[in-house]
N, C-alpha and C. Protein backbone atom coordinates (compact mmCIF):
# COMPACT_ATOMS: atom_id res chain seq x y z
N MET A 1 135.54 129.94 45.27
CA MET A 1 136.38 130.45 46.33
C MET A 1 136.88 131.84 45.99
N LYS A 2 136.65 132.78 46.86
CA LYS A 2 137.13 134.13 46.63
C LYS A 2 138.52 134.28 47.24
N LYS A 3 139.43 134.87 46.46
CA LYS A 3 140.84 134.95 46.85
C LYS A 3 141.32 136.39 46.93
N LEU A 4 142.20 136.63 47.91
CA LEU A 4 142.85 137.92 48.06
C LEU A 4 144.35 137.71 47.96
N ILE A 5 144.99 138.49 47.11
CA ILE A 5 146.43 138.46 46.99
C ILE A 5 146.95 139.71 47.68
N ALA A 6 147.38 139.54 48.93
CA ALA A 6 147.93 140.65 49.73
C ALA A 6 149.44 140.56 49.65
N TYR A 7 150.08 141.67 49.36
CA TYR A 7 151.53 141.61 49.19
C TYR A 7 152.19 142.87 49.71
N PHE A 8 153.44 142.71 50.10
CA PHE A 8 154.31 143.83 50.43
C PHE A 8 155.47 143.78 49.46
N SER A 9 155.79 144.92 48.85
CA SER A 9 156.90 145.00 47.91
C SER A 9 157.63 146.32 48.11
N ALA A 10 158.90 146.24 48.41
CA ALA A 10 159.69 147.46 48.65
C ALA A 10 160.30 148.00 47.36
N THR A 11 160.58 147.12 46.40
CA THR A 11 161.26 147.56 45.18
C THR A 11 160.46 147.28 43.90
N GLY A 12 159.33 146.61 44.02
CA GLY A 12 158.50 146.32 42.86
C GLY A 12 158.58 144.88 42.38
N THR A 13 159.55 144.12 42.82
CA THR A 13 159.70 142.73 42.38
C THR A 13 158.53 141.87 42.83
N THR A 14 158.20 141.92 44.10
CA THR A 14 157.10 141.12 44.62
C THR A 14 155.76 141.62 44.06
N LYS A 15 155.65 142.91 43.83
CA LYS A 15 154.43 143.47 43.24
C LYS A 15 154.13 142.84 41.89
N LYS A 16 155.14 142.68 41.05
CA LYS A 16 154.93 142.08 39.72
C LYS A 16 154.43 140.64 39.85
N LYS A 17 154.98 139.91 40.80
CA LYS A 17 154.55 138.52 41.01
C LYS A 17 153.12 138.48 41.55
N ALA A 18 152.78 139.40 42.44
CA ALA A 18 151.42 139.47 42.99
C ALA A 18 150.42 139.80 41.89
N GLU A 19 150.76 140.73 41.03
CA GLU A 19 149.87 141.09 39.93
C GLU A 19 149.63 139.90 39.00
N ARG A 20 150.68 139.14 38.74
CA ARG A 20 150.55 137.95 37.89
C ARG A 20 149.68 136.89 38.56
N LEU A 21 149.90 136.69 39.85
CA LEU A 21 149.11 135.70 40.60
C LEU A 21 147.63 136.11 40.64
N ALA A 22 147.37 137.39 40.80
CA ALA A 22 145.99 137.88 40.80
C ALA A 22 145.32 137.60 39.45
N LYS A 23 146.07 137.80 38.39
CA LYS A 23 145.53 137.55 37.06
C LYS A 23 145.22 136.07 36.86
N ILE A 24 146.10 135.20 37.32
CA ILE A 24 145.91 133.76 37.16
C ILE A 24 144.76 133.24 38.02
N THR A 25 144.68 133.72 39.25
CA THR A 25 143.68 133.20 40.20
C THR A 25 142.34 133.91 40.12
N GLY A 26 142.32 135.09 39.53
CA GLY A 26 141.10 135.89 39.53
C GLY A 26 140.89 136.57 40.87
N GLY A 27 141.91 136.55 41.71
CA GLY A 27 141.82 137.14 43.04
C GLY A 27 141.95 138.65 43.04
N ASP A 28 141.52 139.25 44.13
CA ASP A 28 141.66 140.69 44.32
C ASP A 28 143.07 140.99 44.79
N LEU A 29 143.59 142.12 44.38
CA LEU A 29 144.95 142.53 44.73
C LEU A 29 144.89 143.57 45.85
N TYR A 30 145.77 143.41 46.83
CA TYR A 30 145.83 144.35 47.96
C TYR A 30 147.29 144.56 48.35
N GLU A 31 147.72 145.80 48.33
CA GLU A 31 149.10 146.11 48.70
C GLU A 31 149.19 146.44 50.19
N ILE A 32 150.03 145.70 50.89
CA ILE A 32 150.34 145.97 52.29
C ILE A 32 151.36 147.10 52.29
N MET A 33 150.96 148.26 52.79
CA MET A 33 151.85 149.42 52.72
C MET A 33 152.20 149.93 54.11
N PRO A 34 153.48 150.26 54.31
CA PRO A 34 153.87 150.84 55.59
C PRO A 34 153.43 152.30 55.67
N GLU A 35 153.16 152.76 56.88
CA GLU A 35 152.85 154.18 57.08
C GLU A 35 153.99 155.03 56.54
N LYS A 36 155.20 154.61 56.84
CA LYS A 36 156.41 155.31 56.37
C LYS A 36 157.10 154.43 55.33
N PRO A 37 157.06 154.82 54.05
CA PRO A 37 157.68 153.99 53.00
C PRO A 37 159.18 153.76 53.25
N TYR A 38 159.64 152.63 52.76
CA TYR A 38 161.06 152.30 52.87
C TYR A 38 161.86 153.00 51.78
N THR A 39 162.99 153.57 52.16
CA THR A 39 163.90 154.20 51.20
C THR A 39 164.99 153.19 50.82
N SER A 40 165.78 153.52 49.83
CA SER A 40 166.88 152.62 49.46
C SER A 40 167.87 152.49 50.62
N GLY A 41 168.08 153.55 51.39
CA GLY A 41 168.95 153.48 52.57
C GLY A 41 168.38 152.56 53.63
N ASP A 42 167.05 152.55 53.78
CA ASP A 42 166.40 151.66 54.74
C ASP A 42 166.62 150.19 54.39
N LEU A 43 166.78 149.91 53.10
CA LEU A 43 166.89 148.54 52.61
C LEU A 43 168.33 148.03 52.57
N ASN A 44 169.28 148.84 52.97
CA ASN A 44 170.69 148.45 52.91
C ASN A 44 171.02 147.46 54.03
N TRP A 45 170.97 146.18 53.71
CA TRP A 45 171.19 145.13 54.71
C TRP A 45 172.63 145.11 55.23
N GLN A 46 173.53 145.77 54.54
CA GLN A 46 174.93 145.82 54.99
C GLN A 46 175.17 146.91 56.03
N ASP A 47 174.22 147.82 56.18
CA ASP A 47 174.31 148.91 57.15
C ASP A 47 173.67 148.44 58.46
N LYS A 48 174.46 148.33 59.50
CA LYS A 48 173.96 147.83 60.79
C LYS A 48 172.94 148.77 61.43
N LYS A 49 172.82 149.99 60.90
CA LYS A 49 171.86 150.94 61.44
C LYS A 49 170.69 151.22 60.49
N SER A 50 170.62 150.44 59.40
CA SER A 50 169.51 150.65 58.47
C SER A 50 168.20 150.20 59.11
N ARG A 51 167.12 150.73 58.61
CA ARG A 51 165.80 150.43 59.17
C ARG A 51 165.50 148.93 59.17
N THR A 52 165.78 148.26 58.05
CA THR A 52 165.48 146.83 57.98
C THR A 52 166.34 146.02 58.94
N THR A 53 167.58 146.42 59.11
CA THR A 53 168.46 145.72 60.05
C THR A 53 167.96 145.89 61.47
N LEU A 54 167.59 147.10 61.83
CA LEU A 54 167.08 147.36 63.18
C LEU A 54 165.75 146.64 63.43
N GLU A 55 164.89 146.62 62.41
CA GLU A 55 163.62 145.90 62.56
C GLU A 55 163.85 144.41 62.76
N TYR A 56 164.77 143.85 61.99
CA TYR A 56 165.06 142.42 62.11
C TYR A 56 165.56 142.07 63.52
N LYS A 57 166.39 142.90 64.07
CA LYS A 57 166.98 142.63 65.39
C LYS A 57 165.98 142.78 66.53
N ASP A 58 164.89 143.51 66.31
CA ASP A 58 163.89 143.74 67.35
C ASP A 58 162.71 142.79 67.12
N LYS A 59 162.66 141.68 67.89
CA LYS A 59 161.62 140.67 67.67
C LYS A 59 160.20 141.21 67.88
N ASP A 60 160.07 142.30 68.60
CA ASP A 60 158.76 142.89 68.86
C ASP A 60 158.39 144.01 67.89
N CYS A 61 159.26 144.30 66.95
CA CYS A 61 159.01 145.39 66.01
C CYS A 61 157.80 145.07 65.13
N ARG A 62 156.91 146.04 65.01
CA ARG A 62 155.75 145.93 64.13
C ARG A 62 155.57 147.29 63.45
N PRO A 63 156.12 147.44 62.24
CA PRO A 63 155.97 148.71 61.52
C PRO A 63 154.50 149.08 61.35
N GLU A 64 154.22 150.36 61.47
CA GLU A 64 152.85 150.85 61.30
C GLU A 64 152.39 150.65 59.86
N LEU A 65 151.14 150.24 59.71
CA LEU A 65 150.53 150.06 58.40
C LEU A 65 149.84 151.34 57.96
N LYS A 66 149.88 151.63 56.68
CA LYS A 66 149.16 152.79 56.15
C LYS A 66 147.65 152.59 56.32
N GLU A 67 147.19 151.38 56.00
CA GLU A 67 145.79 151.01 56.24
C GLU A 67 145.82 150.01 57.39
N LYS A 68 145.25 150.39 58.51
CA LYS A 68 145.38 149.62 59.75
C LYS A 68 144.71 148.25 59.68
N HIS A 69 143.62 148.14 58.90
CA HIS A 69 142.83 146.91 58.90
C HIS A 69 142.28 146.68 57.49
N LYS A 70 142.32 145.44 57.04
CA LYS A 70 141.72 145.06 55.76
C LYS A 70 140.60 144.07 56.07
N ASP A 71 139.41 144.33 55.59
CA ASP A 71 138.29 143.43 55.82
C ASP A 71 138.49 142.15 54.99
N LEU A 72 138.75 141.06 55.68
CA LEU A 72 138.98 139.78 55.02
C LEU A 72 137.74 138.89 55.00
N SER A 73 136.63 139.40 55.51
CA SER A 73 135.44 138.57 55.70
C SER A 73 134.90 137.94 54.41
N GLY A 74 135.09 138.55 53.28
CA GLY A 74 134.55 138.00 52.04
C GLY A 74 135.48 137.05 51.32
N TYR A 75 136.61 136.71 51.91
CA TYR A 75 137.61 135.88 51.25
C TYR A 75 137.74 134.51 51.90
N ASP A 76 137.98 133.51 51.05
CA ASP A 76 138.21 132.15 51.51
C ASP A 76 139.70 131.84 51.61
N VAL A 77 140.46 132.37 50.65
CA VAL A 77 141.90 132.12 50.58
C VAL A 77 142.63 133.46 50.57
N ILE A 78 143.64 133.57 51.42
CA ILE A 78 144.47 134.77 51.48
C ILE A 78 145.90 134.39 51.10
N TYR A 79 146.39 134.96 50.03
CA TYR A 79 147.80 134.81 49.66
C TYR A 79 148.54 135.97 50.31
N ILE A 80 149.68 135.69 50.91
CA ILE A 80 150.51 136.75 51.49
C ILE A 80 151.87 136.70 50.81
N GLY A 81 152.22 137.77 50.12
CA GLY A 81 153.47 137.83 49.38
C GLY A 81 154.42 138.85 49.96
N PHE A 82 155.72 138.58 49.84
CA PHE A 82 156.74 139.44 50.42
C PHE A 82 158.11 139.10 49.86
N PRO A 83 159.03 140.05 49.93
CA PRO A 83 160.43 139.73 49.64
C PRO A 83 161.05 139.12 50.91
N VAL A 84 162.03 138.28 50.74
CA VAL A 84 162.72 137.72 51.90
C VAL A 84 163.77 138.71 52.37
N TRP A 85 163.70 139.05 53.64
CA TRP A 85 164.70 139.91 54.29
C TRP A 85 165.28 139.14 55.45
N TRP A 86 166.58 139.06 55.50
CA TRP A 86 167.24 138.39 56.63
C TRP A 86 166.74 136.96 56.80
N TYR A 87 166.52 136.25 55.70
CA TYR A 87 166.11 134.85 55.71
C TYR A 87 164.70 134.63 56.25
N THR A 88 163.88 135.67 56.28
CA THR A 88 162.52 135.54 56.79
C THR A 88 161.62 136.60 56.15
N TYR A 89 160.39 136.69 56.64
CA TYR A 89 159.47 137.70 56.12
C TYR A 89 159.72 139.03 56.83
N PRO A 90 159.50 140.15 56.13
CA PRO A 90 159.66 141.47 56.75
C PRO A 90 158.68 141.65 57.91
N LYS A 91 159.05 142.44 58.88
CA LYS A 91 158.22 142.65 60.07
C LYS A 91 156.86 143.25 59.74
N ILE A 92 156.74 143.91 58.60
CA ILE A 92 155.43 144.47 58.23
C ILE A 92 154.41 143.35 57.97
N ILE A 93 154.89 142.16 57.64
CA ILE A 93 153.99 141.02 57.48
C ILE A 93 153.38 140.66 58.84
N ASN A 94 154.20 140.72 59.90
CA ASN A 94 153.66 140.52 61.25
C ASN A 94 152.57 141.55 61.53
N SER A 95 152.83 142.80 61.17
CA SER A 95 151.86 143.87 61.40
C SER A 95 150.54 143.56 60.70
N PHE A 96 150.63 143.11 59.45
CA PHE A 96 149.43 142.79 58.67
C PHE A 96 148.66 141.62 59.29
N ILE A 97 149.36 140.57 59.63
CA ILE A 97 148.70 139.39 60.21
C ILE A 97 148.03 139.74 61.53
N GLU A 98 148.74 140.45 62.37
CA GLU A 98 148.21 140.76 63.70
C GLU A 98 147.08 141.79 63.68
N ALA A 99 146.97 142.55 62.60
CA ALA A 99 145.91 143.56 62.49
C ALA A 99 144.63 143.01 61.87
N ASN A 100 144.68 141.75 61.42
CA ASN A 100 143.54 141.20 60.68
C ASN A 100 143.10 139.85 61.22
N ASP A 101 141.86 139.49 60.89
CA ASP A 101 141.27 138.24 61.38
C ASP A 101 141.37 137.16 60.30
N PHE A 102 142.22 136.17 60.55
CA PHE A 102 142.43 135.08 59.61
C PHE A 102 141.61 133.83 59.95
N LYS A 103 140.73 133.94 60.93
CA LYS A 103 139.94 132.78 61.35
C LYS A 103 139.09 132.28 60.17
N GLY A 104 139.21 130.99 59.90
CA GLY A 104 138.43 130.38 58.84
C GLY A 104 138.99 130.60 57.44
N LYS A 105 140.15 131.21 57.35
CA LYS A 105 140.77 131.50 56.05
C LYS A 105 141.89 130.51 55.76
N LYS A 106 141.97 130.06 54.54
CA LYS A 106 143.13 129.30 54.08
C LYS A 106 144.18 130.32 53.68
N THR A 107 145.43 130.06 54.02
CA THR A 107 146.49 131.03 53.75
C THR A 107 147.61 130.38 52.96
N VAL A 108 148.12 131.12 51.97
CA VAL A 108 149.22 130.67 51.13
C VAL A 108 150.28 131.76 51.14
N LEU A 109 151.53 131.37 51.39
CA LEU A 109 152.64 132.33 51.34
C LEU A 109 153.31 132.26 49.97
N PHE A 110 153.75 133.41 49.48
CA PHE A 110 154.62 133.42 48.31
C PHE A 110 155.66 134.50 48.52
N CYS A 111 156.88 134.23 48.03
CA CYS A 111 157.95 135.19 48.26
C CYS A 111 158.89 135.27 47.08
N THR A 112 159.61 136.36 47.05
CA THR A 112 160.71 136.54 46.11
C THR A 112 161.97 136.61 46.94
N SER A 113 163.07 136.08 46.39
CA SER A 113 164.30 136.00 47.17
C SER A 113 165.51 135.93 46.25
N GLY A 114 166.59 136.49 46.73
CA GLY A 114 167.86 136.41 46.01
C GLY A 114 168.57 135.09 46.25
N GLY A 115 168.08 134.27 47.17
CA GLY A 115 168.77 133.01 47.42
C GLY A 115 168.14 132.13 48.48
N THR A 116 167.30 132.69 49.33
CA THR A 116 166.69 131.92 50.41
C THR A 116 165.43 131.23 49.92
N GLY A 117 165.25 129.97 50.31
CA GLY A 117 164.03 129.23 49.99
C GLY A 117 162.92 129.61 50.96
N ILE A 118 161.74 129.04 50.76
CA ILE A 118 160.59 129.41 51.59
C ILE A 118 160.26 128.37 52.66
N GLU A 119 160.83 127.19 52.60
CA GLU A 119 160.46 126.12 53.52
C GLU A 119 160.61 126.53 54.98
N LYS A 120 161.76 127.06 55.35
CA LYS A 120 162.00 127.46 56.74
C LYS A 120 161.15 128.67 57.13
N ILE A 121 160.87 129.51 56.16
CA ILE A 121 160.01 130.67 56.42
C ILE A 121 158.59 130.21 56.74
N ALA A 122 158.09 129.24 55.99
CA ALA A 122 156.75 128.69 56.24
C ALA A 122 156.71 128.02 57.62
N GLU A 123 157.76 127.29 57.98
CA GLU A 123 157.83 126.67 59.32
C GLU A 123 157.80 127.74 60.41
N GLN A 124 158.54 128.82 60.20
CA GLN A 124 158.56 129.91 61.16
C GLN A 124 157.17 130.54 61.30
N MET A 125 156.49 130.73 60.18
CA MET A 125 155.14 131.30 60.20
C MET A 125 154.20 130.40 60.99
N LYS A 126 154.27 129.09 60.77
CA LYS A 126 153.42 128.15 61.49
C LYS A 126 153.68 128.20 62.99
N LYS A 127 154.95 128.35 63.35
CA LYS A 127 155.32 128.41 64.76
C LYS A 127 154.85 129.72 65.40
N GLU A 128 155.04 130.81 64.67
CA GLU A 128 154.68 132.13 65.20
C GLU A 128 153.17 132.37 65.22
N TYR A 129 152.47 131.80 64.24
CA TYR A 129 151.01 131.99 64.13
C TYR A 129 150.33 130.62 63.95
N PRO A 130 150.27 129.82 65.01
CA PRO A 130 149.73 128.46 64.88
C PRO A 130 148.24 128.41 64.52
N ASP A 131 147.51 129.48 64.71
CA ASP A 131 146.08 129.49 64.39
C ASP A 131 145.80 129.76 62.92
N ILE A 132 146.81 130.18 62.17
CA ILE A 132 146.61 130.42 60.74
C ILE A 132 146.66 129.08 60.01
N ASP A 133 145.69 128.87 59.14
CA ASP A 133 145.61 127.64 58.36
C ASP A 133 146.48 127.81 57.10
N LEU A 134 147.76 127.55 57.26
CA LEU A 134 148.72 127.71 56.17
C LEU A 134 148.69 126.46 55.31
N ILE A 135 148.17 126.59 54.09
CA ILE A 135 147.98 125.42 53.23
C ILE A 135 149.02 125.32 52.12
N GLY A 136 149.89 126.31 51.98
CA GLY A 136 150.90 126.24 50.93
C GLY A 136 151.87 127.40 51.00
N SER A 137 152.99 127.20 50.33
CA SER A 137 154.00 128.26 50.24
C SER A 137 154.82 128.02 48.99
N GLU A 138 155.25 129.11 48.38
CA GLU A 138 155.96 128.99 47.12
C GLU A 138 156.96 130.14 46.95
N LEU A 139 158.16 129.81 46.52
CA LEU A 139 159.15 130.79 46.09
C LEU A 139 158.82 131.08 44.64
N VAL A 140 158.62 132.35 44.29
CA VAL A 140 158.15 132.70 42.94
C VAL A 140 159.16 133.57 42.20
N ASN A 141 160.41 133.16 42.19
CA ASN A 141 161.43 133.93 41.47
C ASN A 141 161.24 133.81 39.96
N GLY A 142 160.78 132.67 39.49
CA GLY A 142 160.56 132.47 38.06
C GLY A 142 159.16 132.88 37.66
N PRO A 143 158.77 132.54 36.45
CA PRO A 143 157.43 132.91 36.00
C PRO A 143 156.35 132.12 36.75
N ILE A 144 155.26 132.79 37.03
CA ILE A 144 154.10 132.12 37.64
C ILE A 144 153.17 131.74 36.49
N LEU A 145 152.99 130.44 36.32
CA LEU A 145 152.20 129.96 35.20
C LEU A 145 150.84 129.41 35.61
N LYS A 146 150.68 129.16 36.93
CA LYS A 146 149.41 128.59 37.41
C LYS A 146 149.21 129.01 38.85
N ASP A 147 148.01 128.75 39.35
CA ASP A 147 147.71 128.99 40.76
C ASP A 147 148.68 128.17 41.59
N ILE A 148 149.21 128.75 42.66
CA ILE A 148 150.26 128.07 43.42
C ILE A 148 149.73 127.20 44.56
N ILE A 149 148.41 126.99 44.63
CA ILE A 149 147.89 126.03 45.64
C ILE A 149 147.33 124.82 44.93
């Protein structure tokens, strides 16, 4: 099974976990990057006018991707990693999912979080994208010692 570890990381925390997961699984690493990188001011969840706050409030928000499309045709399993923002996945994850073809792919979510679990996030993903074959999800705040599926 060929695996892709696709991740979004604003501060580097999720990137470290993605790199470790790629090493354990033998999967290819792919960084989901916004066209316009996030600044520390953009990430200030206490500022009602910060970029992340405004994105969260706009259910239709889809930040532009630096790379519009990733060819997933050669992969069987796609891991999608992200930090938890506002108790859910960042809107750029929506952008990535909607820009790519997940038909026939097994999908696994992994996230880093300061306190939120992944169970409700996985439920939200299933509801928002019912055609994605979501086979697992894992909060990876601690060390990753094995494949998470």
